[in-house]
Amino acid sequence: MQRLRYDSAGVTLVELAVVLVLLTIVAGITLQGAGLLQGALGAGRAKGAGDDIVQAVRYARQRAITDAQDYCIAFRVAGSVGQYEIYTGARSGTTCAGTSVEGPTDLPGSATIGAAVALRFTPVSTVDPVGPTDIVVTSTTEGTTCSVTVRITPEGGTQMPATTC
């Protein structure tokens, strides 16, 4: 009895279809993961800029107490970047009227702030204006916009809730 022999040198249509389906699934997962990564990167930049603002506010407040004189910190947008600057002396609306002692310092990640704000701290740890005062920090990374709100409490403390994207 003679046997028939089949050489399998090629790829069947079923095998090719399975490979294409698997590649499509992997590509979809990769693109979804890239979107999540962009969101996390934007959130991290906004939180980092918010952390800088918290640190600067605490520093200005502590310096007013330590040096026994008024210190003012002004937040503004210069060009397209948020920044802050610390002054001695009074506050005038959304600016500081004293002499600059620190800055201007740009916020990291090209973050911006929603509106200009100035805060004056006194040696007895009061803040003018008496808050709460909110400073909204926004960071945009490749089309993903994330923001965080830094709240200055009536006592001059800081609060920073979660970042939203």
Protein backbone atom coordinates (compact mmCIF):
# COMPACT_ATOMS: atom_id res chain seq x y z
CA MET A 1 0.00 0.00 0.00
CA GLN A 2 1.28 3.37 -0.93
CA ARG A 3 1.09 6.38 1.40
CA LEU A 4 0.37 9.90 0.30
CA ARG A 5 2.88 12.44 1.43
CA TYR A 6 2.08 16.07 2.19
CA ASP A 7 4.88 18.58 2.61
CA SER A 8 3.93 21.46 4.84
CA ALA A 9 6.24 24.15 3.63
CA GLY A 10 3.70 27.02 3.64
CA VAL A 11 1.46 28.83 6.11
CA THR A 12 -2.23 28.15 6.10
CA LEU A 13 -4.82 30.87 5.96
CA VAL A 14 -6.05 29.92 9.46
CA GLU A 15 -2.57 30.32 10.95
CA LEU A 16 -2.16 33.70 9.29
CA ALA A 17 -5.57 34.86 10.58
CA VAL A 18 -4.70 33.79 14.15
CA VAL A 19 -1.41 35.71 14.05
CA LEU A 20 -3.14 38.83 12.72
CA VAL A 21 -5.82 38.68 15.44
CA LEU A 22 -3.14 38.32 18.13
CA LEU A 23 -1.15 41.26 16.73
CA THR A 24 -4.31 43.41 16.70
CA ILE A 25 -5.03 42.57 20.35
CA VAL A 26 -1.44 43.37 21.41
CA ALA A 27 -1.52 46.67 19.48
CA GLY A 28 -4.81 47.66 21.15
CA ILE A 29 -3.44 46.92 24.61
CA THR A 30 -0.28 48.89 23.83
CA LEU A 31 -2.21 51.96 22.65
CA GLN A 32 -4.48 51.85 25.68
CA GLY A 33 -1.45 51.57 27.97
CA ALA A 34 0.19 54.55 26.24
CA GLY A 35 -2.92 56.65 26.91
CA LEU A 36 -2.89 55.69 30.57
CA LEU A 37 0.81 56.51 30.74
CA GLN A 38 0.19 60.00 29.27
CA GLY A 39 -2.52 60.61 31.88
CA ALA A 40 -0.21 59.52 34.68
CA LEU A 41 2.58 61.73 33.35
CA GLY A 42 0.28 64.77 33.22
CA ALA A 43 -1.03 64.07 36.72
CA GLY A 44 2.52 63.74 38.01
CA ARG A 45 3.55 67.06 36.48
CA ALA A 46 0.53 68.88 37.94
CA LYS A 47 1.14 67.34 41.36
CA GLY A 48 4.84 68.22 41.20
CA ALA A 49 4.03 71.86 40.43
CA GLY A 50 1.44 71.84 43.23
CA ASP A 51 4.05 70.47 45.62
CA ASP A 52 6.39 73.34 44.64
CA ILE A 53 3.65 75.86 45.46
CA VAL A 54 2.97 74.21 48.83
CA GLN A 55 6.69 74.30 49.65
CA ALA A 56 7.01 77.97 48.61
CA VAL A 57 3.99 79.01 50.70
CA ARG A 58 5.33 77.19 53.75
CA TYR A 59 8.74 78.76 53.23
CA ALA A 60 7.33 82.31 52.96
CA ARG A 61 5.18 81.76 56.05
CA GLN A 62 8.09 80.37 58.07
CA ARG A 63 10.40 83.16 56.93
CA ALA A 64 7.88 85.78 58.11
CA ILE A 65 7.77 84.14 61.54
CA THR A 66 11.54 83.64 61.79
CA ASP A 67 12.55 87.12 60.53
CA ALA A 68 9.70 88.88 62.41
CA GLN A 69 8.58 90.81 59.33
CA ASP A 70 5.93 90.55 56.63
CA TYR A 71 6.64 88.41 53.58
CA CYS A 72 4.51 88.28 50.45
CA ILE A 73 4.47 85.56 47.80
CA ALA A 74 3.05 86.30 44.35
CA PHE A 75 1.90 83.65 41.87
CA ARG A 76 1.49 84.59 38.21
CA VAL A 77 1.86 83.37 34.64
CA ALA A 78 4.83 84.79 32.75
CA GLY A 79 4.80 83.89 29.08
CA SER A 80 3.14 80.50 29.22
CA VAL A 81 4.69 79.26 32.47
CA GLY A 82 3.44 79.66 36.03
CA GLN A 83 5.89 81.15 38.49
CA TYR A 84 6.15 82.55 42.00
CA GLU A 85 8.28 85.21 43.65
CA ILE A 86 8.80 86.04 47.33
CA TYR A 87 9.00 89.63 48.57
CA THR A 88 9.36 91.46 51.85
CA GLY A 89 6.50 93.79 52.69
CA ALA A 90 2.88 94.24 51.79
CA ARG A 91 0.41 92.87 49.30
CA SER A 92 -1.39 95.04 46.76
CA GLY A 93 -4.25 93.14 45.12
CA THR A 94 -2.76 90.22 43.20
CA THR A 95 0.84 91.50 43.44
CA CYS A 96 3.37 92.17 46.16
CA ALA A 97 4.51 95.72 46.88
CA GLY A 98 7.82 95.05 48.66
CA THR A 99 11.34 94.14 47.62
CA SER A 100 11.95 90.82 45.85
CA VAL A 101 14.08 88.41 47.88
CA GLU A 102 13.57 85.10 46.03
CA GLY A 103 12.74 84.31 42.43
CA PRO A 104 10.99 84.50 40.13
CA THR A 105 10.90 80.70 40.09
CA ASP A 106 9.20 78.81 37.26
CA LEU A 107 6.91 75.91 38.10
CA PRO A 108 8.21 72.55 36.85
CA GLY A 109 6.81 70.81 33.79
CA SER A 110 5.67 74.09 32.18
CA ALA A 111 2.70 74.14 34.56
CA THR A 112 0.49 77.21 34.71
CA ILE A 113 -1.79 78.70 37.34
CA GLY A 114 -5.41 79.74 36.86
CA ALA A 115 -5.18 83.33 38.11
CA ALA A 116 -2.63 85.66 39.70
CA VAL A 117 -2.63 85.49 43.50
CA ALA A 118 -0.61 87.25 46.19
CA LEU A 119 -0.44 86.18 49.84
CA ARG A 120 1.08 88.18 52.69
CA PHE A 121 2.26 86.40 55.82
CA THR A 122 2.82 88.24 59.09
CA PRO A 123 5.21 87.38 61.94
CA VAL A 124 2.27 86.13 64.02
CA SER A 125 1.38 83.58 61.33
CA THR A 126 -1.66 85.26 59.80
CA VAL A 127 -2.32 85.38 56.09
CA ASP A 128 -3.78 88.22 54.02
CA PRO A 129 -6.21 87.71 52.38
CA VAL A 130 -7.79 85.49 54.99
CA GLY A 131 -8.71 82.39 53.01
CA PRO A 132 -9.42 79.94 51.99
CA THR A 133 -7.59 80.92 48.81
CA ASP A 134 -7.36 78.42 45.95
CA ILE A 135 -4.51 78.27 43.46
CA VAL A 136 -5.32 76.03 40.48
CA VAL A 137 -2.26 74.45 38.86
CA THR A 138 -2.61 72.97 35.37
CA SER A 139 -0.21 70.88 33.31
CA THR A 140 -0.77 69.74 29.72
CA THR A 141 1.21 66.83 28.29
CA GLU A 142 0.62 65.72 24.70
CA GLY A 143 -3.05 66.66 24.73
CA THR A 144 -3.79 65.46 28.29
CA THR A 145 -4.62 68.28 30.71
CA CYS A 146 -4.42 67.65 34.45
CA SER A 147 -4.98 70.05 37.33
CA VAL A 148 -4.67 70.22 41.08
CA THR A 149 -6.00 72.87 43.46
CA VAL A 150 -3.74 74.07 46.26
CA ARG A 151 -5.86 75.57 49.03
CA ILE A 152 -4.39 78.11 51.45
CA THR A 153 -6.36 77.87 54.70
CA PRO A 154 -7.39 80.88 56.83
CA GLU A 155 -4.51 80.03 59.17
CA GLY A 156 -1.95 80.05 56.34
CA GLY A 157 -1.67 76.26 56.06
CA THR A 158 -1.91 74.31 52.83
CA GLN A 159 -4.11 71.52 51.52
CA MET A 160 -3.80 69.71 48.21
CA PRO A 161 -6.47 67.18 47.21
CA ALA A 162 -6.09 64.65 44.40
CA THR A 163 -5.13 65.58 40.87
CA THR A 164 -7.85 65.48 38.22
CA CYS A 165 -7.32 64.77 34.51
